Structures are given as structure tokens and as C-alpha cells.
Amino acid sequence: MFDLEKIKRESGLKTDDLARIEVKIKEEFPEDELMFELHFLRILKAIKEGWVTLEEAVRESVGV
């Protein structure tokens, strides 16, 4: 639904960091691609806006 590749590029995060975020979200939404994408976008925005750090986003629940 979303252009995740573009969003990843624009995030400024390293490939490894993006992969860590993806793994965390897929753990919570293994069968729901739309929920995965939505939460992925929300986490990237939260990191960009300074609401959470990368480590917090990967460690904690994805309900940002």
C-alpha cells in the first residue's frame, strides 16, 4: 500500500537499523501486511520526531 522503499531511503536510517525495526514489527504482525506497514511508518515518524530513540523502538512494543 505504501512506498516503503522510498520511505526507508528518506528516513536516513541505516539498512541494518531498518531491518531491526522490520523484524520487531513482523513479530507482532506476522500475517497482516497492512498493519506491518502502518506501524513501520509510525515508528519511523516517531524516531524522526524524537518521540523515541531507535533503541526504544526496537526494544519496546510497536504501539508508538
N, C-alpha and C. Protein backbone atom coordinates (compact mmCIF):
# COMPACT_ATOMS: atom_id res chain seq x y z
N MET A 1 0.81 -1.18 0.00
CA MET A 1 0.00 0.00 0.00
C MET A 1 0.87 1.26 0.00
N PHE A 2 1.90 1.30 0.82
CA PHE A 2 2.79 2.45 0.91
C PHE A 2 4.07 2.15 0.14
N ASP A 3 4.77 3.18 -0.28
CA ASP A 3 6.06 3.02 -0.96
C ASP A 3 7.15 2.93 0.12
N LEU A 4 7.29 1.73 0.66
CA LEU A 4 8.22 1.56 1.79
C LEU A 4 9.67 1.81 1.40
N GLU A 5 10.04 1.47 0.19
CA GLU A 5 11.44 1.69 -0.21
C GLU A 5 11.77 3.18 -0.21
N LYS A 6 10.87 3.99 -0.68
CA LYS A 6 11.08 5.44 -0.67
C LYS A 6 11.13 5.95 0.77
N ILE A 7 10.22 5.47 1.57
CA ILE A 7 10.16 5.89 2.98
C ILE A 7 11.43 5.50 3.71
N LYS A 8 11.93 4.31 3.43
CA LYS A 8 13.19 3.86 4.05
C LYS A 8 14.34 4.79 3.66
N ARG A 9 14.43 5.10 2.37
CA ARG A 9 15.51 5.99 1.91
C ARG A 9 15.42 7.35 2.59
N GLU A 10 14.21 7.87 2.68
CA GLU A 10 14.02 9.21 3.24
C GLU A 10 14.20 9.25 4.76
N SER A 11 14.16 8.09 5.40
CA SER A 11 14.29 8.05 6.86
C SER A 11 15.68 8.45 7.33
N GLY A 12 16.69 8.19 6.49
CA GLY A 12 18.06 8.48 6.88
C GLY A 12 18.66 7.42 7.79
N LEU A 13 17.90 6.37 8.08
CA LEU A 13 18.41 5.30 8.94
C LEU A 13 19.23 4.31 8.13
N LYS A 14 20.16 3.66 8.81
CA LYS A 14 20.98 2.64 8.17
C LYS A 14 20.13 1.41 7.84
N THR A 15 20.58 0.68 6.83
CA THR A 15 19.88 -0.53 6.39
C THR A 15 19.73 -1.52 7.55
N ASP A 16 20.76 -1.69 8.34
CA ASP A 16 20.70 -2.62 9.48
C ASP A 16 19.65 -2.18 10.50
N ASP A 17 19.58 -0.88 10.74
CA ASP A 17 18.60 -0.36 11.70
C ASP A 17 17.17 -0.55 11.19
N LEU A 18 16.97 -0.30 9.92
CA LEU A 18 15.65 -0.52 9.34
C LEU A 18 15.25 -1.99 9.43
N ALA A 19 16.22 -2.86 9.19
CA ALA A 19 15.94 -4.31 9.28
C ALA A 19 15.56 -4.71 10.70
N ARG A 20 16.21 -4.12 11.68
CA ARG A 20 15.87 -4.42 13.08
C ARG A 20 14.44 -4.00 13.40
N ILE A 21 14.05 -2.84 12.90
CA ILE A 21 12.69 -2.36 13.12
C ILE A 21 11.69 -3.30 12.44
N GLU A 22 11.99 -3.69 11.21
CA GLU A 22 11.11 -4.58 10.47
C GLU A 22 10.91 -5.91 11.19
N VAL A 23 11.98 -6.47 11.71
CA VAL A 23 11.89 -7.74 12.44
C VAL A 23 10.97 -7.59 13.65
N LYS A 24 11.15 -6.52 14.39
CA LYS A 24 10.33 -6.29 15.59
C LYS A 24 8.85 -6.21 15.23
N ILE A 25 8.53 -5.47 14.18
CA ILE A 25 7.12 -5.31 13.81
C ILE A 25 6.55 -6.61 13.27
N LYS A 26 7.33 -7.33 12.48
CA LYS A 26 6.83 -8.60 11.93
C LYS A 26 6.57 -9.62 13.03
N GLU A 27 7.27 -9.51 14.15
CA GLU A 27 6.99 -10.39 15.29
C GLU A 27 5.56 -10.16 15.80
N GLU A 28 5.13 -8.92 15.77
CA GLU A 28 3.80 -8.59 16.29
C GLU A 28 2.70 -8.72 15.25
N PHE A 29 3.05 -8.58 13.97
CA PHE A 29 2.05 -8.65 12.90
C PHE A 29 2.54 -9.56 11.78
N PRO A 30 2.74 -10.84 12.07
CA PRO A 30 3.32 -11.73 11.05
C PRO A 30 2.41 -12.00 9.85
N GLU A 31 1.13 -11.87 10.03
CA GLU A 31 0.18 -12.21 8.97
C GLU A 31 -0.56 -11.00 8.39
N ASP A 32 -0.24 -9.81 8.84
CA ASP A 32 -1.03 -8.63 8.43
C ASP A 32 -0.10 -7.56 7.84
N GLU A 33 0.01 -7.57 6.52
CA GLU A 33 0.93 -6.66 5.84
C GLU A 33 0.54 -5.19 6.03
N LEU A 34 -0.75 -4.90 6.02
CA LEU A 34 -1.19 -3.51 6.20
C LEU A 34 -0.82 -2.99 7.59
N MET A 35 -1.06 -3.79 8.61
CA MET A 35 -0.68 -3.37 9.97
C MET A 35 0.83 -3.23 10.10
N PHE A 36 1.57 -4.13 9.44
CA PHE A 36 3.03 -4.01 9.44
C PHE A 36 3.44 -2.66 8.86
N GLU A 37 2.92 -2.33 7.68
CA GLU A 37 3.30 -1.08 7.03
C GLU A 37 2.91 0.13 7.87
N LEU A 38 1.72 0.10 8.42
CA LEU A 38 1.25 1.22 9.24
C LEU A 38 2.15 1.44 10.45
N HIS A 39 2.48 0.37 11.15
CA HIS A 39 3.33 0.51 12.33
C HIS A 39 4.77 0.87 11.95
N PHE A 40 5.23 0.37 10.83
CA PHE A 40 6.56 0.73 10.35
C PHE A 40 6.63 2.24 10.12
N LEU A 41 5.62 2.79 9.44
CA LEU A 41 5.58 4.23 9.21
C LEU A 41 5.52 5.01 10.52
N ARG A 42 4.71 4.53 11.44
CA ARG A 42 4.56 5.23 12.72
C ARG A 42 5.87 5.24 13.50
N ILE A 43 6.58 4.14 13.49
CA ILE A 43 7.85 4.09 14.21
C ILE A 43 8.88 5.01 13.57
N LEU A 44 8.97 4.99 12.25
CA LEU A 44 9.92 5.89 11.59
C LEU A 44 9.61 7.34 11.88
N LYS A 45 8.33 7.69 11.89
CA LYS A 45 7.95 9.07 12.22
C LYS A 45 8.32 9.39 13.67
N ALA A 46 8.05 8.47 14.58
CA ALA A 46 8.36 8.69 15.99
C ALA A 46 9.86 8.90 16.20
N ILE A 47 10.67 8.14 15.49
CA ILE A 47 12.13 8.30 15.59
C ILE A 47 12.53 9.66 15.03
N LYS A 48 12.01 10.00 13.85
CA LYS A 48 12.35 11.26 13.19
C LYS A 48 11.96 12.46 14.05
N GLU A 49 10.79 12.38 14.69
CA GLU A 49 10.29 13.49 15.50
C GLU A 49 10.93 13.53 16.90
N GLY A 50 11.70 12.50 17.23
CA GLY A 50 12.37 12.48 18.52
C GLY A 50 11.50 11.97 19.67
N TRP A 51 10.37 11.34 19.34
CA TRP A 51 9.48 10.83 20.39
C TRP A 51 10.08 9.58 21.04
N VAL A 52 10.82 8.80 20.24
CA VAL A 52 11.51 7.61 20.75
C VAL A 52 12.86 7.52 20.07
N THR A 53 13.77 6.82 20.71
CA THR A 53 15.05 6.54 20.06
C THR A 53 14.92 5.24 19.27
N LEU A 54 15.89 4.98 18.44
CA LEU A 54 15.90 3.74 17.69
C LEU A 54 15.88 2.55 18.64
N GLU A 55 16.70 2.61 19.67
CA GLU A 55 16.77 1.50 20.63
C GLU A 55 15.44 1.29 21.35
N GLU A 56 14.78 2.35 21.71
CA GLU A 56 13.47 2.22 22.35
C GLU A 56 12.46 1.59 21.40
N ALA A 57 12.49 2.00 20.15
CA ALA A 57 11.55 1.48 19.17
C ALA A 57 11.75 -0.01 18.93
N VAL A 58 12.98 -0.45 18.94
CA VAL A 58 13.26 -1.87 18.70
C VAL A 58 12.99 -2.69 19.96
N ARG A 59 13.25 -2.13 21.11
CA ARG A 59 13.12 -2.85 22.37
C ARG A 59 11.67 -2.94 22.84
N GLU A 60 10.92 -1.88 22.68
CA GLU A 60 9.57 -1.79 23.25
C GLU A 60 8.52 -2.28 22.27
N SER A 61 7.31 -2.28 22.74
CA SER A 61 6.18 -2.62 21.89
C SER A 61 6.08 -1.61 20.76
N VAL A 62 5.56 -2.03 19.61
CA VAL A 62 5.49 -1.14 18.45
C VAL A 62 4.30 -0.21 18.52
N GLY A 63 3.52 -0.24 19.54
CA GLY A 63 2.37 0.65 19.64
C GLY A 63 2.76 2.07 19.95
N VAL A 64 3.57 2.68 19.08
CA VAL A 64 4.08 4.03 19.27
C VAL A 64 2.96 5.04 19.17
